[in-house]
Amino acid sequence: MRGAPAAAAGWLKRALAEPPPPESRPEVLLELGSAELRLAEPDAHEHLAAAMENLHQPGLLAFAARQLANSYGAQGNAEQSLAVLEAAIAAIDSTDAELALVLEAEFAAKAQQCGREARARATALLARHTQLEGRTPGERLVLASRAFERARASASADEAVRFIEQSLASDVSVSEQQPDVVGPFYALIISLLATDALDLGIRHLDQALAVARTRASIPAVAFLTAHRGWFSLRRGALAEAEADARAALDLMNAHGIRLGTSFATALLIEALIENGQLDAAEERLRDSGLDREIPPGLAHIAATEARGALRIARGDARGGLDDLVEHGRRDELWGAANPLASRWRSHACLALAAAGDHERARSMAAEELERARRWGAASGIGIALRAAALVDADANPIERLREAAEVLSRSPAKLEHARVLTDLGAALRRANRRADARGALQDALALARSCGAGALIERASIEMSAAGGRSSDSEGSGAERLTVSERRVAELAAKGHSNPKIAQALFVTRKTVETHLGHIYAKLDISSRTELAAALAGKPQA
């Protein structure tokens, strides 16, 4: 079932209809409900609940409880998730302490999606375990849950990173998660998006991906790939973000895994917006159904922000603002990793200014800047400084934009640095300081091109021309232009691997491999895979 939940569900429904022996029925229901959970089927919770009623072996009961809790969570019913886990903990605690720890860690993860009372219950539950040393999977999961709570409650980004890094170093890997798409590991990783420790997140995601590929767990590979894409997006590595989004969606669609598609689609939409491909982003939004009502629940929070960003990019400031405000409401309601993981206020105040509500825009920008300074992540401060500079129509934005650029130069957020340099160049041009403007815009163009940010490249080029300069092309040539995903495909193809073998090795579809190869040939100016090795080595073609 790890690789083909749709096929598994079909066979299990047939097995249930035959019917199985009474003593086997609970396990068949469990397997069926688990397959349906991977497919985001609405009947999953009914089959899992029926299984749980008649399971008594602690291991199976604990697994059923976690699956059922995740099914309720996918529907946005986190309180019901907690009730299921509490019942299982009470049934198992006296017979299997290790499984009880696993369930308590799951309870703590689900409690983050509820109100203060539920989170307080989780805190009290975990507070009993002060002497754990992390010797077993259950102990490591509980310690990871405690680290997540401490990170979430931290006063600063640096403090949060210390808690998260310590827990990740204890080998809380995806191999200890059942199912493979939720749990403390993912909570810790997502928490890092609120900090500037993006390389740390990518390193642990790559390690977890290696484990998931070894286990042939396609859902885990898909989810981990999508998570890695969000980190690439924050760094400004747009080609890598887009490649990871497409790879994750290819896996989910090819294997009938609907849970998580909203998360990956939102990533792809954000990457396409930055690339200037608004029509393609709109098409993705429409095809996914996210242009209509976006379902509740933690899994869909990113979609509200992505849709808001697209509407603003299309010139619909009011529609985009509504989506961003709704995103903020859900972010707080469902207990996302950290209040600063999303910078929605910095984007919302710009939409307010575009809609003519300057007073409210300035108030929101000031509030966000204060929050960002308290948290201390350079990227968040720089983004908030940019927003504060742009919404105050009565002030001279140059000095504040200079400050934002200086702060962002110390962060991993290259795209945001390029964006604020473009704004600074535009402000200097309007102040008739054309030479200074060209200097800022030259730096902005270099950064934007390294990110592959088509929309920003176009805007900075227009500003450069207006400032009396020329925007020379410095995208690089040959192998330098390949994305990370394209490079992986190219290297395997150069070694003589067939397209099916490459697809299998990288857990992508054959179509994805073919698409990558088409881009590779165009960028390297070659026509066949026999020329790949020389092109990758930078040797001229004969």
Protein backbone atom coordinates (compact mmCIF):
# COMPACT_ATOMS: atom_id res chain seq x y z
CA MET A 1 0.00 0.00 0.00
CA ARG A 2 2.96 2.36 0.46
CA GLY A 3 3.20 2.91 -3.28
CA ALA A 4 -0.31 2.23 -4.61
CA PRO A 5 -3.09 3.13 -2.14
CA ALA A 6 -5.75 3.34 -4.87
CA ALA A 7 -5.11 -0.23 -6.01
CA ALA A 8 -4.90 -1.41 -2.41
CA ALA A 9 -8.25 0.20 -1.55
CA GLY A 10 -9.92 -1.54 -4.48
CA TRP A 11 -8.66 -4.99 -3.47
CA LEU A 12 -9.47 -4.41 0.20
CA LYS A 13 -13.06 -3.36 -0.59
CA ARG A 14 -13.43 -6.58 -2.54
CA ALA A 15 -11.97 -8.56 0.38
CA LEU A 16 -14.40 -6.87 2.77
CA ALA A 17 -17.36 -7.73 0.56
CA GLU A 18 -16.54 -11.45 0.28
CA PRO A 19 -16.51 -11.27 3.48
CA PRO A 20 -13.34 -12.11 5.49
CA PRO A 21 -13.44 -14.34 8.61
CA PRO A 22 -14.83 -12.40 11.59
CA GLU A 23 -11.47 -12.44 13.37
CA SER A 24 -9.77 -10.86 10.30
CA ARG A 25 -12.41 -8.20 9.60
CA PRO A 26 -10.94 -5.51 11.95
CA GLU A 27 -7.53 -5.74 10.29
CA VAL A 28 -9.05 -5.57 6.80
CA LEU A 29 -11.01 -2.50 7.87
CA LEU A 30 -7.80 -0.98 9.25
CA GLU A 31 -5.91 -1.56 6.02
CA LEU A 32 -8.81 -0.24 3.95
CA GLY A 33 -9.21 2.87 6.09
CA SER A 34 -5.44 3.47 5.91
CA ALA A 35 -5.50 3.26 2.11
CA GLU A 36 -8.50 5.59 1.98
CA LEU A 37 -6.70 8.04 4.29
CA ARG A 38 -3.85 8.23 1.77
CA LEU A 39 -6.48 8.96 -0.87
CA ALA A 40 -8.27 11.51 1.33
CA GLU A 41 -11.47 9.47 0.92
CA PRO A 42 -14.39 10.70 3.05
CA ASP A 43 -15.21 7.12 4.21
CA ALA A 44 -11.77 6.59 5.74
CA HIS A 45 -12.79 7.58 9.25
CA GLU A 46 -15.81 5.24 9.22
CA HIS A 47 -13.70 2.19 8.36
CA LEU A 48 -10.95 3.16 10.80
CA ALA A 49 -13.44 3.76 13.62
CA ALA A 50 -15.07 0.38 12.97
CA ALA A 51 -11.66 -1.28 13.04
CA MET A 52 -10.64 0.42 16.26
CA GLU A 53 -13.77 -0.81 18.08
CA ASN A 54 -12.69 -4.42 17.64
CA LEU A 55 -8.91 -4.24 17.89
CA HIS A 56 -7.30 -5.23 21.16
CA GLN A 57 -3.67 -5.97 20.30
CA PRO A 58 -1.80 -2.83 21.51
CA GLY A 59 0.26 -2.33 18.35
CA LEU A 60 -2.73 -2.53 16.02
CA LEU A 61 -4.88 -0.42 18.34
CA ALA A 62 -2.24 2.32 18.51
CA PHE A 63 -1.79 2.31 14.74
CA ALA A 64 -5.56 2.47 14.19
CA ALA A 65 -5.87 5.36 16.65
CA ARG A 66 -3.18 7.38 14.88
CA GLN A 67 -4.74 6.73 11.50
CA LEU A 68 -8.23 7.63 12.71
CA ALA A 69 -6.91 10.78 14.38
CA ASN A 70 -5.23 11.79 11.15
CA SER A 71 -8.43 11.13 9.22
CA TYR A 72 -10.38 13.46 11.50
CA GLY A 73 -7.55 15.98 11.30
CA ALA A 74 -7.69 15.96 7.50
CA GLN A 75 -11.37 16.95 7.79
CA GLY A 76 -10.52 19.82 10.11
CA ASN A 77 -11.92 18.03 13.17
CA ALA A 78 -8.90 18.23 15.45
CA GLU A 79 -10.95 17.94 18.65
CA GLN A 80 -12.25 14.53 17.56
CA SER A 81 -8.65 13.54 16.80
CA LEU A 82 -7.72 14.31 20.40
CA ALA A 83 -10.64 12.28 21.76
CA VAL A 84 -9.55 9.23 19.74
CA LEU A 85 -5.95 9.50 20.93
CA GLU A 86 -6.95 10.04 24.56
CA ALA A 87 -9.07 6.88 24.48
CA ALA A 88 -6.21 4.88 22.98
CA ILE A 89 -3.69 6.21 25.51
CA ALA A 90 -5.99 5.17 28.36
CA ALA A 91 -6.36 1.68 26.86
CA ILE A 92 -2.65 1.14 26.19
CA ASP A 93 -0.81 3.06 28.91
CA SER A 94 -0.77 0.24 31.46
CA THR A 95 0.23 -2.48 28.97
CA ASP A 96 2.72 -0.84 26.60
CA ALA A 97 4.50 2.30 27.81
CA GLU A 98 6.41 2.72 24.54
CA LEU A 99 3.26 2.81 22.40
CA ALA A 100 1.67 5.19 24.90
CA LEU A 101 4.58 7.60 24.36
CA VAL A 102 4.06 7.44 20.59
CA LEU A 103 0.38 8.27 21.07
CA GLU A 104 1.16 11.11 23.46
CA ALA A 105 3.49 12.64 20.88
CA GLU A 106 0.71 12.36 18.31
CA PHE A 107 -1.71 13.96 20.78
CA ALA A 108 0.67 16.89 21.24
CA ALA A 109 0.96 17.36 17.47
CA LYS A 110 -2.82 17.39 17.04
CA ALA A 111 -3.32 19.71 20.02
CA GLN A 112 -1.36 22.39 18.16
CA GLN A 113 -4.33 22.59 15.78
CA CYS A 114 -6.79 23.34 18.60
CA GLY A 115 -7.33 26.09 21.13
CA ARG A 116 -5.37 27.01 24.22
CA GLU A 117 -7.17 24.49 26.43
CA ALA A 118 -6.15 21.57 24.23
CA ARG A 119 -2.57 22.80 23.99
CA ALA A 120 -2.48 23.13 27.78
CA ARG A 121 -3.61 19.49 28.08
CA ALA A 122 -0.83 18.44 25.74
CA THR A 123 1.72 20.44 27.69
CA ALA A 124 0.62 18.79 30.93
CA LEU A 125 0.77 15.37 29.30
CA LEU A 126 4.31 15.89 28.04
CA ALA A 127 5.47 17.56 31.27
CA ARG A 128 5.30 14.18 33.03
CA HIS A 129 8.29 12.99 30.99
CA THR A 130 11.25 14.92 32.35
CA GLN A 131 13.66 12.00 32.57
CA LEU A 132 13.49 10.64 29.03
CA GLU A 133 16.84 10.07 27.33
CA GLY A 134 15.68 9.41 23.77
CA ARG A 135 16.64 5.73 23.71
CA THR A 136 13.49 4.53 21.91
CA PRO A 137 11.35 5.87 19.04
CA GLY A 138 8.58 6.77 21.49
CA GLU A 139 10.96 8.67 23.75
CA ARG A 140 12.42 10.54 20.78
CA LEU A 141 8.98 11.49 19.52
CA VAL A 142 7.95 12.85 22.93
CA LEU A 143 11.20 14.80 23.22
CA ALA A 144 10.61 16.15 19.71
CA SER A 145 7.10 17.22 20.69
CA ARG A 146 8.47 19.04 23.72
CA ALA A 147 11.08 20.71 21.55
CA PHE A 148 8.36 21.85 19.15
CA GLU A 149 6.37 23.38 22.00
CA ARG A 150 9.44 25.21 23.27
CA ALA A 151 10.27 26.44 19.79
CA ARG A 152 6.73 27.68 19.26
CA ALA A 153 6.80 29.53 22.58
CA SER A 154 10.30 30.92 22.04
CA ALA A 155 10.89 34.63 22.29
CA SER A 156 13.29 34.67 19.34
CA ALA A 157 14.19 32.82 16.18
CA ASP A 158 17.65 31.92 17.51
CA GLU A 159 16.15 30.35 20.62
CA ALA A 160 13.65 28.37 18.53
CA VAL A 161 16.38 27.06 16.24
CA ARG A 162 18.37 25.76 19.22
CA PHE A 163 15.42 23.67 20.40
CA ILE A 164 14.64 22.38 16.92
CA GLU A 165 18.24 21.58 15.98
CA GLN A 166 18.80 19.68 19.20
CA SER A 167 15.73 17.55 18.60
CA LEU A 168 16.47 16.89 14.93
CA ALA A 169 19.99 15.85 15.86
CA SER A 170 18.49 13.07 18.01
CA ASP A 171 17.39 11.29 14.81
CA VAL A 172 13.66 11.88 14.91
CA SER A 173 13.29 10.74 11.33
CA VAL A 174 10.39 10.00 9.08
CA SER A 175 11.14 6.28 9.47
CA GLU A 176 9.52 6.49 12.90
CA GLN A 177 6.28 7.98 11.59
CA GLN A 178 3.17 5.99 10.69
CA PRO A 179 1.67 7.19 8.43
CA ASP A 180 4.51 8.91 6.62
CA VAL A 181 2.98 12.34 6.19
CA VAL A 182 2.43 13.76 9.69
CA GLY A 183 4.03 13.92 13.11
CA PRO A 184 6.63 15.79 15.17
CA PHE A 185 9.32 15.58 12.48
CA TYR A 186 7.19 17.59 10.06
CA ALA A 187 6.17 20.03 12.78
CA LEU A 188 9.81 20.70 13.64
CA ILE A 189 10.76 21.12 9.99
CA ILE A 190 7.92 23.54 9.26
CA SER A 191 8.89 25.50 12.38
CA LEU A 192 12.22 26.26 10.72
CA LEU A 193 10.42 28.23 7.99
CA ALA A 194 9.83 30.89 10.62
CA THR A 195 13.59 31.26 11.06
CA ASP A 196 16.51 31.81 8.72
CA ALA A 197 17.87 28.29 9.31
CA LEU A 198 16.71 27.19 5.87
CA ASP A 199 19.83 25.16 5.05
CA LEU A 200 19.29 23.18 8.25
CA GLY A 201 15.77 22.31 7.16
CA ILE A 202 16.85 21.26 3.68
CA ARG A 203 19.65 19.10 5.07
CA HIS A 204 17.26 17.15 7.30
CA LEU A 205 14.67 16.89 4.54
CA ASP A 206 17.29 15.43 2.19
CA GLN A 207 18.26 12.90 4.86
CA ALA A 208 14.64 11.95 5.43
CA LEU A 209 14.11 11.65 1.68
CA ALA A 210 16.97 9.17 1.46
CA VAL A 211 15.30 7.06 4.17
CA ALA A 212 11.88 7.29 2.49
CA ARG A 213 13.31 6.20 -0.86
CA THR A 214 15.04 3.25 0.78
CA ARG A 215 11.69 2.24 2.28
CA ALA A 216 9.94 2.83 -1.07
CA SER A 217 7.36 5.00 0.73
CA ILE A 218 5.92 7.08 -2.08
CA PRO A 219 3.65 9.20 0.17
CA ALA A 220 6.65 10.13 2.33
CA VAL A 221 8.76 10.96 -0.73
CA ALA A 222 5.96 13.16 -2.10
CA PHE A 223 5.39 15.02 1.17
CA LEU A 224 9.07 15.49 1.94
CA THR A 225 9.70 16.75 -1.59
CA ALA A 226 6.90 19.31 -1.25
CA HIS A 227 8.28 20.46 2.11
CA ARG A 228 11.74 20.87 0.61
CA GLY A 229 10.21 22.98 -2.14
CA TRP A 230 8.87 25.47 0.38
CA PHE A 231 12.36 25.91 1.80
CA SER A 232 13.73 26.46 -1.72
CA LEU A 233 11.02 29.06 -2.32
CA ARG A 234 12.00 30.93 0.85
CA ARG A 235 15.65 30.89 -0.26
CA GLY A 236 14.68 32.21 -3.68
CA ALA A 237 15.67 29.04 -5.54
CA LEU A 238 12.59 29.19 -7.74
CA ALA A 239 13.53 26.50 -10.26
CA GLU A 240 14.15 24.04 -7.44
CA ALA A 241 10.90 25.00 -5.72
CA GLU A 242 8.92 24.54 -8.92
CA ALA A 243 10.65 21.24 -9.70
CA ASP A 244 9.88 19.88 -6.22
CA ALA A 245 6.26 21.02 -6.43
CA ARG A 246 5.80 19.31 -9.80
CA ALA A 247 7.60 16.15 -8.67
CA ALA A 248 5.43 15.91 -5.54
CA LEU A 249 2.24 16.44 -7.52
CA ASP A 250 3.33 13.92 -10.16
CA LEU A 251 3.78 11.30 -7.44
CA MET A 252 0.51 12.13 -5.72
CA ASN A 253 -1.47 12.10 -8.95
CA ALA A 254 0.21 8.98 -10.36
CA HIS A 255 -0.51 7.01 -7.19
CA GLY A 256 -3.90 8.43 -6.30
CA ILE A 257 -2.70 10.26 -3.18
CA ARG A 258 -4.96 13.27 -2.71
CA LEU A 259 -3.93 14.15 0.83
CA GLY A 260 -1.31 16.89 0.49
CA THR A 261 -2.10 17.99 -3.06
CA SER A 262 -3.35 21.37 -1.81
CA PHE A 263 -0.03 21.95 -0.01
CA ALA A 264 2.03 21.09 -3.12
CA THR A 265 -0.29 23.02 -5.46
CA ALA A 266 0.07 26.14 -3.33
CA LEU A 267 3.85 25.82 -3.61
CA LEU A 268 3.65 25.52 -7.39
CA ILE A 269 1.33 28.52 -7.66
CA GLU A 270 3.70 30.68 -5.57
CA ALA A 271 6.69 29.62 -7.71
CA LEU A 272 4.81 30.33 -10.94
CA ILE A 273 3.81 33.79 -9.69
CA GLU A 274 7.45 34.65 -9.03
CA ASN A 275 8.37 33.34 -12.48
CA GLY A 276 5.82 35.69 -14.02
CA GLN A 277 3.65 32.83 -15.26
CA LEU A 278 0.33 34.15 -13.98
CA ASP A 279 -1.79 32.34 -16.57
CA ALA A 280 -0.17 29.02 -15.67
CA ALA A 281 -0.71 29.74 -11.96
CA GLU A 282 -4.36 30.58 -12.61
CA GLU A 283 -4.80 27.36 -14.56
CA ARG A 284 -3.31 25.34 -11.70
CA LEU A 285 -5.58 27.07 -9.21
CA ARG A 286 -8.64 26.35 -11.36
CA ASP A 287 -7.72 22.73 -12.12
CA SER A 288 -7.20 22.01 -8.42
CA GLY A 289 -10.58 23.45 -7.48
CA LEU A 290 -8.90 25.89 -5.10
CA ASP A 291 -10.38 28.82 -7.02
CA ARG A 292 -13.64 27.95 -5.28
CA GLU A 293 -14.13 27.30 -1.57
CA ILE A 294 -10.92 26.16 0.11
CA PRO A 295 -11.62 23.38 2.67
CA PRO A 296 -10.83 23.92 6.35
CA GLY A 297 -7.93 22.26 8.10
CA LEU A 298 -4.19 22.67 8.47
CA ALA A 299 -3.49 20.93 5.14
CA HIS A 300 -5.13 23.77 3.18
CA ILE A 301 -3.76 26.84 4.95
CA ALA A 302 -1.03 27.43 2.36
CA ALA A 303 -3.64 27.49 -0.41
CA THR A 304 -5.40 30.55 1.03
CA GLU A 305 -2.14 32.50 1.04
CA ALA A 306 -1.19 31.37 -2.48
CA ARG A 307 -4.59 32.32 -3.88
CA GLY A 308 -4.32 35.71 -2.21
CA ALA A 309 -0.88 36.27 -3.73
CA LEU A 310 -2.19 35.36 -7.18
CA ARG A 311 -5.18 37.68 -6.92
CA ILE A 312 -2.91 40.56 -5.90
CA ALA A 313 -0.53 39.79 -8.77
CA ARG A 314 -3.57 39.92 -11.08
CA GLY A 315 -4.48 43.39 -9.77
CA ASP A 316 -7.34 42.27 -7.51
CA ALA A 317 -6.11 43.91 -4.30
CA ARG A 318 -9.42 43.52 -2.44
CA GLY A 319 -9.85 39.86 -3.36
CA GLY A 320 -6.25 39.11 -2.46
CA LEU A 321 -6.59 40.96 0.83
CA ASP A 322 -9.66 38.91 1.76
CA ASP A 323 -7.70 35.71 1.14
CA LEU A 324 -4.69 36.88 3.17
CA VAL A 325 -6.86 37.89 6.12
CA GLU A 326 -8.60 34.51 5.95
CA HIS A 327 -5.18 32.86 5.82
CA GLY A 328 -4.18 34.70 8.99
CA ARG A 329 -7.40 33.65 10.72
CA ARG A 330 -6.86 30.00 9.83
CA ASP A 331 -3.19 30.21 10.70
CA GLU A 332 -4.08 31.22 14.24
CA LEU A 333 -7.10 28.91 14.52
CA TRP A 334 -5.35 25.75 13.34
CA GLY A 335 -2.15 26.33 15.22
CA ALA A 336 0.44 26.56 12.46
CA ALA A 337 4.07 26.05 13.39
CA ASN A 338 4.77 29.61 14.44
CA PRO A 339 2.92 32.90 14.10
CA LEU A 340 5.81 34.25 12.01
CA ALA A 341 6.14 31.28 9.67
CA SER A 342 3.87 33.25 7.32
CA ARG A 343 4.58 36.89 6.54
CA TRP A 344 1.00 37.47 5.41
CA ARG A 345 0.65 40.84 7.17
CA SER A 346 3.54 42.31 5.18
CA HIS A 347 1.74 41.35 1.97
CA ALA A 348 -1.70 42.31 3.26
CA CYS A 349 -0.69 45.84 4.19
CA LEU A 350 0.54 46.39 0.61
CA ALA A 351 -2.85 45.21 -0.66
CA LEU A 352 -4.54 47.63 1.75
CA ALA A 353 -2.46 50.50 0.41
CA ALA A 354 -3.25 49.49 -3.18
CA ALA A 355 -6.95 49.52 -2.26
CA GLY A 356 -6.60 53.05 -0.85
CA ASP A 357 -6.82 52.21 2.88
CA HIS A 358 -3.52 53.88 3.80
CA GLU A 359 -4.18 54.38 7.51
CA ARG A 360 -4.96 50.72 8.11
CA ALA A 361 -2.02 49.73 5.90
CA ARG A 362 0.42 51.81 7.97
CA SER A 363 -0.96 50.41 11.22
CA MET A 364 -0.62 46.80 10.06
CA ALA A 365 2.89 47.41 8.70
CA ALA A 366 4.03 48.95 11.97
CA GLU A 367 2.60 46.04 13.96
CA GLU A 368 4.33 43.51 11.70
CA LEU A 369 7.66 45.32 11.92
CA GLU A 370 7.48 45.30 15.71
CA ARG A 371 6.70 41.56 15.71
CA ALA A 372 9.50 40.83 13.26
CA ARG A 373 12.08 42.76 15.28
CA ARG A 374 11.05 40.89 18.42
CA TRP A 375 11.43 37.54 16.65
CA GLY A 376 14.77 38.53 15.17
CA ALA A 377 14.92 36.60 11.87
CA ALA A 378 16.66 38.89 9.36
CA SER A 379 14.39 37.86 6.48
CA GLY A 380 11.24 38.73 8.41
CA ILE A 381 12.63 42.09 9.51
CA GLY A 382 13.70 42.96 5.97
CA ILE A 383 10.33 42.03 4.49
CA ALA A 384 8.51 44.05 7.16
CA LEU A 385 10.81 47.05 6.64
CA ARG A 386 10.07 46.97 2.90
CA ALA A 387 6.33 46.88 3.55
CA ALA A 388 6.55 49.76 6.04
CA ALA A 389 8.51 51.83 3.52
CA LEU A 390 6.07 51.22 0.66
CA VAL A 391 2.78 51.84 2.49
CA ASP A 392 3.72 55.23 3.92
CA ALA A 393 2.89 57.52 1.03
CA ASP A 394 3.89 60.64 2.99
CA ALA A 395 7.40 59.52 3.87
CA ASN A 396 10.64 59.25 1.91
CA PRO A 397 11.12 55.47 1.55
CA ILE A 398 14.79 55.50 0.52
CA GLU A 399 16.44 55.20 3.93
CA ARG A 400 14.04 52.53 5.14
CA LEU A 401 14.53 50.57 1.92
CA ARG A 402 18.30 50.86 2.35
CA GLU A 403 17.93 49.46 5.84
CA ALA A 404 15.76 46.61 4.51
CA ALA A 405 18.35 45.79 1.84
CA GLU A 406 21.16 45.77 4.39
CA VAL A 407 19.22 43.47 6.72
CA LEU A 408 18.21 41.10 3.91
CA SER A 409 21.81 40.87 2.71
CA ARG A 410 22.48 38.93 5.95
CA SER A 411 19.60 36.51 5.34
CA PRO A 412 19.22 33.50 3.04
CA ALA A 413 16.21 35.15 1.34
CA LYS A 414 17.90 36.13 -1.95
CA LEU A 415 14.65 36.81 -3.79
CA GLU A 416 13.41 39.18 -1.08
CA HIS A 417 16.79 40.93 -1.16
CA ALA A 418 16.45 41.36 -4.93
CA ARG A 419 12.89 42.65 -4.51
CA VAL A 420 13.84 45.35 -2.03
CA LEU A 421 16.84 46.40 -4.14
CA THR A 422 14.46 46.86 -7.07
CA ASP A 423 12.19 49.01 -4.91
CA LEU A 424 15.21 50.99 -3.72
CA GLY A 425 16.38 51.55 -7.29
CA ALA A 426 12.91 52.72 -8.28
CA ALA A 427 12.76 55.13 -5.33
CA LEU A 428 16.21 56.54 -6.15
CA ARG A 429 15.20 57.02 -9.79
CA ARG A 430 12.08 58.91 -8.76
CA ALA A 431 14.30 61.10 -6.56
CA ASN A 432 16.38 61.82 -9.69
CA ARG A 433 19.42 60.00 -8.25
CA ARG A 434 19.85 58.00 -11.42
CA ALA A 435 23.45 56.82 -10.92
CA ASP A 436 22.62 55.46 -7.46
CA ALA A 437 19.47 53.88 -8.89
CA ARG A 438 21.46 52.04 -11.56
CA GLY A 439 23.81 50.62 -8.92
CA ALA A 440 20.95 49.22 -6.83
CA LEU A 441 19.15 47.89 -9.91
CA GLN A 442 22.28 46.20 -11.24
CA ASP A 443 22.58 44.28 -7.96
CA ALA A 444 18.86 43.54 -8.03
CA LEU A 445 19.07 42.10 -11.54
CA ALA A 446 22.03 39.89 -10.68
CA LEU A 447 20.18 38.46 -7.68
CA ALA A 448 16.86 38.11 -9.51
CA ARG A 449 18.55 36.22 -12.34
CA SER A 450 20.29 33.89 -9.91
CA CYS A 451 16.84 33.14 -8.47
CA GLY A 452 15.23 32.72 -11.89
CA ALA A 453 12.57 35.25 -10.89
CA GLY A 454 11.08 36.17 -14.26
CA ALA A 455 8.56 38.70 -12.94
CA LEU A 456 11.15 40.58 -10.91
CA ILE A 457 13.72 40.46 -13.72
CA GLU A 458 11.22 42.16 -16.02
CA ARG A 459 10.36 44.85 -13.49
CA ALA A 460 13.99 45.56 -12.58
CA SER A 461 14.92 45.71 -16.28
CA ILE A 462 12.20 48.30 -16.92
CA GLU A 463 13.44 50.37 -13.99
CA MET A 464 17.03 50.08 -15.22
CA SER A 465 16.04 51.38 -18.65
CA ALA A 466 14.13 54.25 -17.05
CA ALA A 467 17.23 55.09 -15.01
CA GLY A 468 19.29 55.29 -18.20
CA GLY A 469 21.07 51.94 -17.86
CA ARG A 470 21.11 48.65 -19.74
CA SER A 471 20.08 45.32 -18.23
CA SER A 472 22.72 42.99 -19.66
CA ASP A 473 22.01 39.27 -19.66
CA SER A 474 24.02 37.43 -17.02
CA GLU A 475 22.05 34.23 -16.62
CA GLY A 476 25.10 32.09 -17.21
CA SER A 477 25.58 29.42 -19.81
CA GLY A 478 25.82 25.69 -20.18
CA ALA A 479 25.57 23.51 -17.09
CA GLU A 480 25.36 26.58 -14.82
CA ARG A 481 21.81 27.14 -16.04
CA LEU A 482 20.53 23.72 -14.97
CA THR A 483 18.34 23.47 -11.89
CA VAL A 484 19.19 20.96 -9.18
CA SER A 485 16.53 18.56 -10.44
CA GLU A 486 17.69 18.93 -14.04
CA ARG A 487 21.27 18.31 -12.96
CA ARG A 488 20.27 15.06 -11.22
CA VAL A 489 18.47 13.82 -14.33
CA ALA A 490 21.32 14.92 -16.61
CA GLU A 491 23.97 13.13 -14.55
CA LEU A 492 22.02 9.87 -14.50
CA ALA A 493 21.28 10.09 -18.22
CA ALA A 494 24.95 10.81 -18.95
CA LYS A 495 25.84 7.57 -17.12
CA GLY A 496 23.64 5.63 -19.52
CA HIS A 497 20.52 5.16 -17.38
CA SER A 498 17.25 4.85 -19.28
CA ASN A 499 14.30 7.16 -18.64
CA PRO A 500 12.38 4.47 -16.67
CA LYS A 501 15.47 3.83 -14.51
CA ILE A 502 15.92 7.54 -13.85
CA ALA A 503 12.24 7.88 -12.95
CA GLN A 504 12.53 4.97 -10.54
CA ALA A 505 15.73 6.30 -8.94
CA LEU A 506 14.31 9.80 -8.40
CA PHE A 507 10.72 8.76 -7.59
CA VAL A 508 9.25 10.83 -10.42
CA THR A 509 7.19 9.90 -13.46
CA ARG A 510 8.67 9.14 -16.89
CA LYS A 511 6.90 12.24 -18.21
CA THR A 512 8.79 14.37 -15.67
CA VAL A 513 12.10 12.86 -16.80
CA GLU A 514 11.23 13.57 -20.44
CA THR A 515 10.29 17.16 -19.61
CA HIS A 516 13.54 17.68 -17.69
CA LEU A 517 15.58 16.25 -20.57
CA GLY A 518 13.89 18.62 -23.01
CA HIS A 519 14.88 21.59 -20.85
CA ILE A 520 18.39 20.18 -20.40
CA TYR A 521 19.01 19.78 -24.12
CA ALA A 522 17.79 23.32 -24.78
CA LYS A 523 19.96 24.86 -22.04
CA LEU A 524 23.05 22.89 -23.04
CA ASP A 525 22.40 23.39 -26.78
CA ILE A 526 22.67 19.68 -27.53
CA SER A 527 20.36 17.24 -29.29
CA SER A 528 20.94 13.83 -27.65
CA ARG A 529 22.00 12.13 -24.41
CA THR A 530 25.26 10.99 -26.02
CA GLU A 531 26.43 14.60 -25.80
CA LEU A 532 25.51 15.02 -22.14
CA ALA A 533 28.76 13.97 -20.46
CA ALA A 534 30.84 16.44 -22.44
CA ALA A 535 28.31 19.24 -21.99
CA LEU A 536 28.17 18.72 -18.22
CA ALA A 537 31.96 18.84 -18.08
CA GLY A 538 31.95 22.09 -20.03
CA LYS A 539 33.74 20.64 -23.03
CA PRO A 540 32.96 22.07 -26.48
CA GLN A 541 30.95 19.81 -28.77
CA ALA A 542 32.76 18.32 -31.74
